[in-house]
Amino acid sequence: MAFTALGTPAWAQPEPEVPERPPVGEENSSPAAPSDTSPSGDGETESPEVAASEAKDSGTEVAPFDEARSREYFAVLPDTVSPDTADEVRELPGVESMTRVDAARVEVEGEQTSMLGVDPSRFRNYAPRPSATSDEVWQGIADGGVALSDEAGKQRELDVGSEVSIAGGNGTDTREVWTHATSGVAGIDALVSRDTADDLGFPEGNGLVLSAPDADLWELYEQLGDTLGEDASLQLLADDPDPRPEGTGGEPVTDSAVEGMVSAAQSQRGVPYVWGGETPGEGFDCSGLVQWAFAQAGVSVPRVTHDQWYAGERIEYADAQRGDLIFWRTDPTAPDYISHVAIYLGDGKMLEAPQTGLDVRVTDVRMESMAGVVRVHTG
């Protein structure tokens, strides 16, 4: 059950040019979420809902929220990161702190799901602020509950308080969905405690989440690769709030490839949204549709929405052209998280796989919560 398929990060130029991020405590300056999940008037976002049932007492007392930590890299290996190697990572230039996690792909209600086993007392300081500051969220995880990402929980209709089956390396277990709270680690759709991960048969300590807000991210990428070895998969988590310089990182996709991609995407109108879907005629999620449509035109883009955000040049919406990708931040549990993508068609129209219960469709571009626009590059 080793979690090994995240792939390496994708960006638009040879070096990830990421300026210093705003303090993590200011994440709520991101564009507002839709009105039913918007932050309260005092500037603080509401903590995620937790199950009404009383959590089982595991005897583990979770430490209070201490200090918000930025998230720059997630590294994962097939097996345990040795203590000596972990110490070497801690000593790399620019690394301020690090937390170990247990990472695996498991089946939740029969669907492949990427899950982390975490120490709630430590990991909460790396989580997006709405959940990081909630004692209830982390005590429930420590006591055996599951935190599903906001998208996975809602799109798969796995409600807070419901029971879900989890098939891991040690067989199948049943756990309560304690909350919907996005981890802040791209591609991860569930959190449990490390004790629960052990019960499920996860590899122990095969993942690292690093805070390195002042590091040269390209140098750190190279150093992590040298330290962890070729089996390590590295995920860039830091975000670049500024547009990328024009002309960097290869060339924009050709007009003919754009038209081939758009034509492929248009052919899937009416196909239902399916969480994790990437099958023509059967179902797509938003990033699955984007990846498949580009592939039909011979262009490779990453699978995860967060990584597609790095697949080209950032441009202003006013300069958007047919075939550009539009991104939004709509997750109330992680206001700085890229959570949705659509294909711009021109004239204020876009094509998207929106959400559970809706089909792939053409609609007007929504300005609310828009994160930005990316023109995909190749090379």
Protein backbone atom coordinates (compact mmCIF):
# COMPACT_ATOMS: atom_id res chain seq x y z
CA MET A 1 0.00 0.00 0.00
CA ALA A 2 2.98 2.37 -0.29
CA PHE A 3 2.06 5.78 -1.58
CA THR A 4 4.41 6.28 -4.51
CA ALA A 5 2.45 7.75 -7.40
CA LEU A 6 2.31 11.50 -6.72
CA GLY A 7 4.85 12.27 -9.40
CA THR A 8 7.28 15.15 -9.40
CA PRO A 9 6.15 18.78 -9.29
CA ALA A 10 5.46 20.58 -12.55
CA TRP A 11 6.26 24.22 -13.20
CA ALA A 12 6.62 26.43 -16.22
CA GLN A 13 10.32 27.20 -16.11
CA PRO A 14 13.58 25.48 -15.13
CA GLU A 15 13.44 26.99 -11.64
CA PRO A 16 10.39 27.46 -9.42
CA GLU A 17 10.48 31.25 -9.12
CA VAL A 18 8.50 31.66 -5.93
CA PRO A 19 8.81 34.96 -4.05
CA GLU A 20 8.46 35.05 -0.29
CA ARG A 21 4.96 33.99 0.68
CA PRO A 22 2.70 36.05 2.93
CA PRO A 23 2.74 34.80 6.52
CA VAL A 24 0.61 31.69 6.90
CA GLY A 25 -1.51 33.55 9.41
CA GLU A 26 -2.60 35.87 6.60
CA GLU A 27 -3.91 33.09 4.35
CA ASN A 28 -7.40 34.51 4.72
CA SER A 29 -6.48 37.42 2.46
CA SER A 30 -7.20 35.05 -0.46
CA PRO A 31 -10.33 35.76 -2.55
CA ALA A 32 -13.55 35.09 -0.70
CA ALA A 33 -15.29 31.74 -0.89
CA PRO A 34 -18.88 31.46 -2.13
CA SER A 35 -21.43 33.20 0.09
CA ASP A 36 -22.53 30.07 1.95
CA THR A 37 -18.99 29.41 3.16
CA SER A 38 -17.49 32.89 3.31
CA PRO A 39 -15.38 34.08 6.21
CA SER A 40 -17.12 35.83 9.08
CA GLY A 41 -17.12 39.60 9.25
CA ASP A 42 -14.19 39.81 11.67
CA GLY A 43 -11.80 38.42 9.03
CA GLU A 44 -11.58 34.96 10.57
CA THR A 45 -12.77 31.92 8.67
CA GLU A 46 -14.95 29.48 10.52
CA SER A 47 -13.51 26.18 11.70
CA PRO A 48 -14.69 23.12 9.77
CA GLU A 49 -17.75 21.27 11.03
CA VAL A 50 -17.06 18.18 13.12
CA ALA A 51 -19.25 15.16 13.79
CA ALA A 52 -22.00 15.61 16.35
CA SER A 53 -21.26 12.24 17.90
CA GLU A 54 -18.84 12.04 20.78
CA ALA A 55 -15.40 10.91 19.63
CA LYS A 56 -13.89 7.83 21.16
CA ASP A 57 -11.36 8.71 23.84
CA SER A 58 -8.00 7.42 22.66
CA GLY A 59 -6.20 8.75 25.70
CA THR A 60 -4.14 11.02 23.46
CA GLU A 61 -4.20 14.68 24.43
CA VAL A 62 -3.56 16.96 21.47
CA ALA A 63 -1.29 19.92 22.06
CA PRO A 64 -2.78 23.36 21.38
CA PHE A 65 -2.08 25.25 18.17
CA ASP A 66 1.42 26.67 18.50
CA GLU A 67 2.84 28.48 15.46
CA ALA A 68 1.64 28.57 11.87
CA ARG A 69 4.15 26.87 9.59
CA SER A 70 4.34 27.41 5.85
CA ARG A 71 4.37 24.37 3.54
CA GLU A 72 7.02 24.35 0.82
CA TYR A 73 7.60 20.67 -0.04
CA PHE A 74 6.06 17.26 0.48
CA ALA A 75 8.43 14.33 -0.01
CA VAL A 76 7.35 10.69 -0.03
CA LEU A 77 9.24 7.41 -0.39
CA PRO A 78 8.05 3.81 -0.76
CA ASP A 79 9.45 2.95 2.69
CA THR A 80 10.44 4.57 5.97
CA VAL A 81 12.74 7.60 5.84
CA SER A 82 15.60 6.62 8.16
CA PRO A 83 16.28 8.82 11.23
CA ASP A 84 19.71 9.75 9.85
CA THR A 85 18.24 10.80 6.51
CA ALA A 86 15.48 12.78 8.24
CA ASP A 87 18.15 14.58 10.26
CA GLU A 88 20.03 15.41 7.06
CA VAL A 89 16.86 16.92 5.60
CA ARG A 90 16.35 19.04 8.71
CA GLU A 91 19.84 20.47 8.26
CA LEU A 92 19.38 21.49 4.62
CA PRO A 93 19.74 25.24 4.03
CA GLY A 94 16.46 27.08 4.49
CA VAL A 95 14.56 24.24 6.19
CA GLU A 96 12.99 25.71 9.32
CA SER A 97 10.95 22.74 10.43
CA MET A 98 9.65 19.36 9.29
CA THR A 99 7.04 16.84 10.33
CA ARG A 100 7.02 13.14 9.49
CA VAL A 101 3.90 11.48 8.12
CA ASP A 102 2.79 8.01 7.03
CA ALA A 103 1.57 8.07 3.42
CA ALA A 104 -0.44 5.48 1.49
CA ARG A 105 -3.13 5.00 -1.09
CA VAL A 106 -6.11 3.18 0.40
CA GLU A 107 -9.67 2.52 -0.67
CA VAL A 108 -12.32 4.59 1.06
CA GLU A 109 -15.75 3.23 0.21
CA GLY A 110 -14.15 1.45 -2.74
CA GLU A 111 -12.46 4.56 -4.20
CA GLN A 112 -8.69 5.00 -4.31
CA THR A 113 -7.83 7.76 -1.85
CA SER A 114 -4.48 9.32 -0.92
CA MET A 115 -4.23 9.43 2.88
CA LEU A 116 -1.72 10.65 5.46
CA GLY A 117 -1.23 9.40 8.97
CA VAL A 118 -0.19 12.44 11.03
CA ASP A 119 0.71 13.46 14.56
CA PRO A 120 -2.20 15.85 15.25
CA SER A 121 -0.20 17.88 17.77
CA ARG A 122 2.49 18.65 15.20
CA PHE A 123 0.73 18.51 11.85
CA ARG A 124 -1.95 21.02 12.85
CA ASN A 125 0.72 23.75 12.75
CA TYR A 126 1.26 22.98 9.03
CA ALA A 127 -2.44 22.83 8.17
CA PRO A 128 -4.51 25.67 6.67
CA ARG A 129 -5.57 28.07 9.39
CA PRO A 130 -9.33 27.35 9.54
CA SER A 131 -8.65 23.79 10.72
CA ALA A 132 -5.25 24.39 12.35
CA THR A 133 -6.76 26.43 15.17
CA SER A 134 -9.64 24.02 15.90
CA ASP A 135 -8.94 21.75 18.88
CA GLU A 136 -12.05 19.71 17.99
CA VAL A 137 -10.74 18.84 14.52
CA TRP A 138 -7.43 17.45 15.77
CA GLN A 139 -8.72 15.74 18.90
CA GLY A 140 -11.24 13.88 16.74
CA ILE A 141 -8.45 12.73 14.40
CA ALA A 142 -6.34 11.67 17.38
CA ASP A 143 -9.30 9.68 18.68
CA GLY A 144 -9.65 7.65 15.49
CA GLY A 145 -11.78 9.80 13.17
CA VAL A 146 -11.06 10.56 9.51
CA ALA A 147 -10.70 14.06 8.09
CA LEU A 148 -11.66 14.01 4.41
CA SER A 149 -10.75 16.95 2.22
CA ASP A 150 -13.60 19.35 1.61
CA GLU A 151 -13.77 18.27 -2.06
CA ALA A 152 -13.59 14.53 -1.43
CA GLY A 153 -16.15 14.66 1.34
CA LYS A 154 -18.70 16.77 -0.50
CA GLN A 155 -18.23 15.52 -4.07
CA ARG A 156 -18.33 11.88 -2.95
CA GLU A 157 -21.24 12.59 -0.59
CA LEU A 158 -19.39 11.15 2.41
CA ASP A 159 -21.04 13.28 5.04
CA VAL A 160 -19.57 14.38 8.35
CA GLY A 161 -20.70 11.85 10.95
CA SER A 162 -21.09 8.99 8.46
CA GLU A 163 -19.20 5.69 8.70
CA VAL A 164 -16.81 4.75 5.90
CA SER A 165 -14.92 1.55 5.15
CA ILE A 166 -11.16 1.87 4.62
CA ALA A 167 -9.25 -0.94 2.93
CA GLY A 168 -5.57 -0.78 3.85
CA GLY A 169 -2.61 -3.09 4.13
CA ASN A 170 -4.11 -4.84 7.17
CA GLY A 171 -7.56 -5.42 5.72
CA THR A 172 -10.72 -3.34 6.03
CA ASP A 173 -11.65 -1.09 8.92
CA THR A 174 -14.63 1.19 9.56
CA ARG A 175 -14.13 4.75 10.74
CA GLU A 176 -16.24 7.85 11.24
CA VAL A 177 -15.89 10.86 8.97
CA TRP A 178 -15.01 13.33 11.71
CA THR A 179 -14.74 16.45 9.53
CA HIS A 180 -14.23 17.84 6.03
CA ALA A 181 -10.92 19.70 6.25
CA THR A 182 -8.38 20.00 3.42
CA SER A 183 -4.83 19.16 4.49
CA GLY A 184 -2.97 21.78 2.46
CA VAL A 185 -0.91 19.02 0.80
CA ALA A 186 -1.88 18.79 -2.86
CA GLY A 187 -3.39 15.47 -3.89
CA ILE A 188 -4.02 14.31 -0.30
CA ASP A 189 -7.70 13.70 0.35
CA ALA A 190 -7.74 12.27 3.87
CA LEU A 191 -5.97 12.51 7.23
CA VAL A 192 -5.92 10.06 10.11
CA SER A 193 -3.71 9.77 13.18
CA ARG A 194 -0.48 7.81 12.93
CA ASP A 195 -1.99 5.26 15.34
CA THR A 196 -4.88 4.74 12.93
CA ALA A 197 -2.45 4.56 10.01
CA ASP A 198 -0.58 1.82 11.86
CA ASP A 199 -3.84 -0.10 12.34
CA LEU A 200 -4.48 0.21 8.60
CA GLY A 201 -1.01 -1.07 7.68
CA PHE A 202 0.65 2.09 6.38
CA PRO A 203 4.43 2.28 5.94
CA GLU A 204 5.85 4.16 8.91
CA GLY A 205 7.32 7.63 8.44
CA ASN A 206 7.73 7.46 4.65
CA GLY A 207 6.66 11.07 4.09
CA LEU A 208 7.97 14.49 5.11
CA VAL A 209 6.27 17.89 5.06
CA LEU A 210 8.81 20.72 5.06
CA SER A 211 8.55 24.36 6.02
CA ALA A 212 11.27 26.39 4.30
CA PRO A 213 9.80 29.84 3.64
CA ASP A 214 13.12 31.55 2.90
CA ALA A 215 14.79 28.74 0.94
CA ASP A 216 15.84 28.87 -2.68
CA LEU A 217 13.24 26.35 -3.79
CA TRP A 218 15.18 25.09 -6.81
CA GLU A 219 18.33 24.51 -4.76
CA LEU A 220 16.25 22.83 -2.07
CA TYR A 221 14.63 20.59 -4.71
CA GLU A 222 18.05 19.43 -5.88
CA GLN A 223 19.29 18.91 -2.32
CA LEU A 224 16.20 16.93 -1.36
CA GLY A 225 16.69 14.71 -4.39
CA ASP A 226 20.33 14.10 -3.48
CA THR A 227 19.49 13.41 0.18
CA LEU A 228 16.40 11.24 -0.27
CA GLY A 229 17.45 9.39 -3.42
CA GLU A 230 15.87 8.64 -6.77
CA ASP A 231 12.86 6.84 -5.29
CA ALA A 232 11.64 10.02 -3.62
CA SER A 233 8.68 11.88 -5.10
CA LEU A 234 8.78 15.62 -4.41
CA GLN A 235 5.74 17.88 -4.46
CA LEU A 236 6.11 21.67 -4.46
CA LEU A 237 3.44 23.09 -2.17
CA ALA A 238 4.47 26.75 -2.05
CA ASP A 239 2.50 29.14 -4.22
CA ASP A 240 3.73 32.02 -6.36
CA PRO A 241 1.30 34.94 -5.99
CA ASP A 242 2.80 36.88 -8.93
CA PRO A 243 2.52 36.25 -12.69
CA ARG A 244 5.48 34.51 -14.25
CA PRO A 245 7.69 36.53 -16.61
CA GLU A 246 6.53 36.34 -20.21
CA GLY A 247 8.42 33.95 -22.43
CA THR A 248 9.94 31.74 -19.74
CA GLY A 249 9.75 27.97 -19.50
CA GLY A 250 9.34 26.76 -23.06
CA GLU A 251 6.75 27.93 -25.57
CA PRO A 252 2.98 28.31 -25.33
CA VAL A 253 0.96 25.45 -26.77
CA THR A 254 0.43 26.00 -30.51
CA ASP A 255 -2.89 27.27 -31.87
CA SER A 256 -3.53 23.94 -33.59
CA ALA A 257 -2.92 22.02 -30.34
CA VAL A 258 -5.22 24.42 -28.49
CA GLU A 259 -7.98 23.77 -31.00
CA GLY A 260 -7.42 20.03 -30.76
CA MET A 261 -7.61 20.22 -26.98
CA VAL A 262 -10.74 22.37 -27.00
CA SER A 263 -12.41 20.09 -29.54
CA ALA A 264 -11.66 17.04 -27.37
CA ALA A 265 -12.99 18.76 -24.26
CA GLN A 266 -16.13 19.90 -26.11
CA SER A 267 -16.78 16.30 -27.15
CA GLN A 268 -17.34 15.44 -23.49
CA ARG A 269 -20.16 17.90 -22.90
CA GLY A 270 -22.95 16.11 -21.09
CA VAL A 271 -20.63 13.54 -19.48
CA PRO A 272 -21.20 13.47 -15.70
CA TYR A 273 -18.82 14.84 -13.11
CA VAL A 274 -17.13 11.96 -11.28
CA TRP A 275 -14.70 12.57 -8.43
CA GLY A 276 -11.31 11.30 -9.62
CA GLY A 277 -12.82 10.63 -13.04
CA GLU A 278 -10.66 10.59 -16.16
CA THR A 279 -12.62 8.35 -18.54
CA PRO A 280 -14.19 9.76 -21.74
CA GLY A 281 -17.88 9.08 -22.04
CA GLU A 282 -18.10 7.93 -18.43
CA GLY A 283 -16.98 10.73 -16.15
CA PHE A 284 -14.41 13.41 -15.35
CA ASP A 285 -13.46 15.66 -12.51
CA CYS A 286 -12.20 19.14 -13.36
CA SER A 287 -8.48 18.39 -13.60
CA GLY A 288 -9.05 14.97 -15.15
CA LEU A 289 -10.91 16.61 -18.04
CA VAL A 290 -8.10 19.13 -18.54
CA GLN A 291 -5.39 16.47 -18.56
CA TRP A 292 -7.30 14.18 -20.93
CA ALA A 293 -8.22 16.96 -23.36
CA PHE A 294 -4.61 18.17 -23.62
CA ALA A 295 -3.42 14.60 -24.10
CA GLN A 296 -5.67 14.26 -27.15
CA ALA A 297 -3.69 17.13 -28.68
CA GLY A 298 -0.35 15.55 -27.79
CA VAL A 299 0.34 17.84 -24.82
CA SER A 300 1.22 16.46 -21.39
CA VAL A 301 -0.02 18.34 -18.30
CA PRO A 302 -0.12 17.15 -14.67
CA ARG A 303 -3.12 15.37 -13.19
CA VAL A 304 -3.73 17.36 -10.00
CA THR A 305 -5.27 20.85 -10.13
CA HIS A 306 -2.52 22.26 -7.89
CA ASP A 307 0.16 21.03 -10.31
CA GLN A 308 -1.72 22.31 -13.37
CA TRP A 309 -1.45 25.74 -11.74
CA TYR A 310 2.31 25.44 -12.46
CA ALA A 311 1.95 24.21 -16.05
CA GLY A 312 2.58 27.52 -17.77
CA GLU A 313 2.76 31.29 -17.67
CA ARG A 314 0.50 33.21 -15.28
CA ILE A 315 -1.43 35.94 -17.08
CA GLU A 316 -4.15 38.42 -16.26
CA TYR A 317 -7.74 37.42 -16.99
CA ALA A 318 -8.06 40.45 -19.26
CA ASP A 319 -5.38 38.87 -21.47
CA ALA A 320 -6.90 35.37 -21.48
CA GLN A 321 -7.11 33.53 -24.79
CA ARG A 322 -8.94 30.45 -25.99
CA GLY A 323 -7.41 27.34 -24.38
CA ASP A 324 -6.01 29.07 -21.30
CA LEU A 325 -6.79 27.51 -17.93
CA ILE A 326 -8.73 29.41 -15.26
CA PHE A 327 -8.28 28.52 -11.59
CA TRP A 328 -10.25 29.23 -8.42
CA ARG A 329 -9.78 29.08 -4.66
CA THR A 330 -13.17 28.02 -3.28
CA ASP A 331 -12.29 25.70 -0.39
CA PRO A 332 -13.47 27.27 2.88
CA THR A 333 -11.21 24.95 4.87
CA ALA A 334 -8.08 26.02 2.91
CA PRO A 335 -8.50 29.55 1.52
CA ASP A 336 -5.09 29.56 -0.20
CA TYR A 337 -5.62 26.19 -1.94
CA ILE A 338 -6.17 25.87 -5.71
CA SER A 339 -9.39 23.88 -5.83
CA HIS A 340 -10.93 24.13 -9.32
CA VAL A 341 -9.90 24.53 -12.96
CA ALA A 342 -11.76 25.19 -16.23
CA ILE A 343 -10.86 25.74 -19.89
CA TYR A 344 -11.36 29.25 -21.28
CA LEU A 345 -13.21 29.30 -24.61
CA GLY A 346 -13.21 33.04 -25.29
CA ASP A 347 -15.92 35.72 -25.13
CA GLY A 348 -16.40 35.20 -21.40
CA LYS A 349 -17.25 31.50 -21.75
CA MET A 350 -15.54 28.44 -20.26
CA LEU A 351 -15.89 24.65 -20.25
CA GLU A 352 -15.70 22.74 -16.98
CA ALA A 353 -16.52 19.57 -15.08
CA PRO A 354 -18.16 21.40 -12.17
CA GLN A 355 -19.25 19.15 -9.32
CA THR A 356 -21.24 16.06 -8.33
CA GLY A 357 -24.69 16.13 -9.87
CA LEU A 358 -23.66 18.28 -12.85
CA ASP A 359 -22.35 17.35 -16.29
CA VAL A 360 -19.41 18.74 -18.26
CA ARG A 361 -20.76 22.01 -19.59
CA VAL A 362 -20.11 25.46 -21.08
CA THR A 363 -20.94 28.38 -18.85
CA ASP A 364 -20.07 32.01 -18.19
CA VAL A 365 -16.74 32.66 -16.49
CA ARG A 366 -17.16 33.21 -12.74
CA MET A 367 -15.03 36.00 -11.33
CA GLU A 368 -15.74 35.27 -7.67
CA SER A 369 -12.83 33.49 -5.94
CA MET A 370 -10.79 33.37 -9.18
CA ALA A 371 -7.12 32.67 -8.44
CA GLY A 372 -5.77 33.43 -11.90
CA VAL A 373 -5.19 32.24 -15.45
CA VAL A 374 -2.41 30.03 -16.85
CA ARG A 375 -1.32 29.71 -20.47
CA VAL A 376 0.05 26.17 -20.78
CA HIS A 377 3.62 25.86 -22.05
CA THR A 378 5.50 22.92 -23.49
CA GLY A 379 9.22 22.21 -23.27
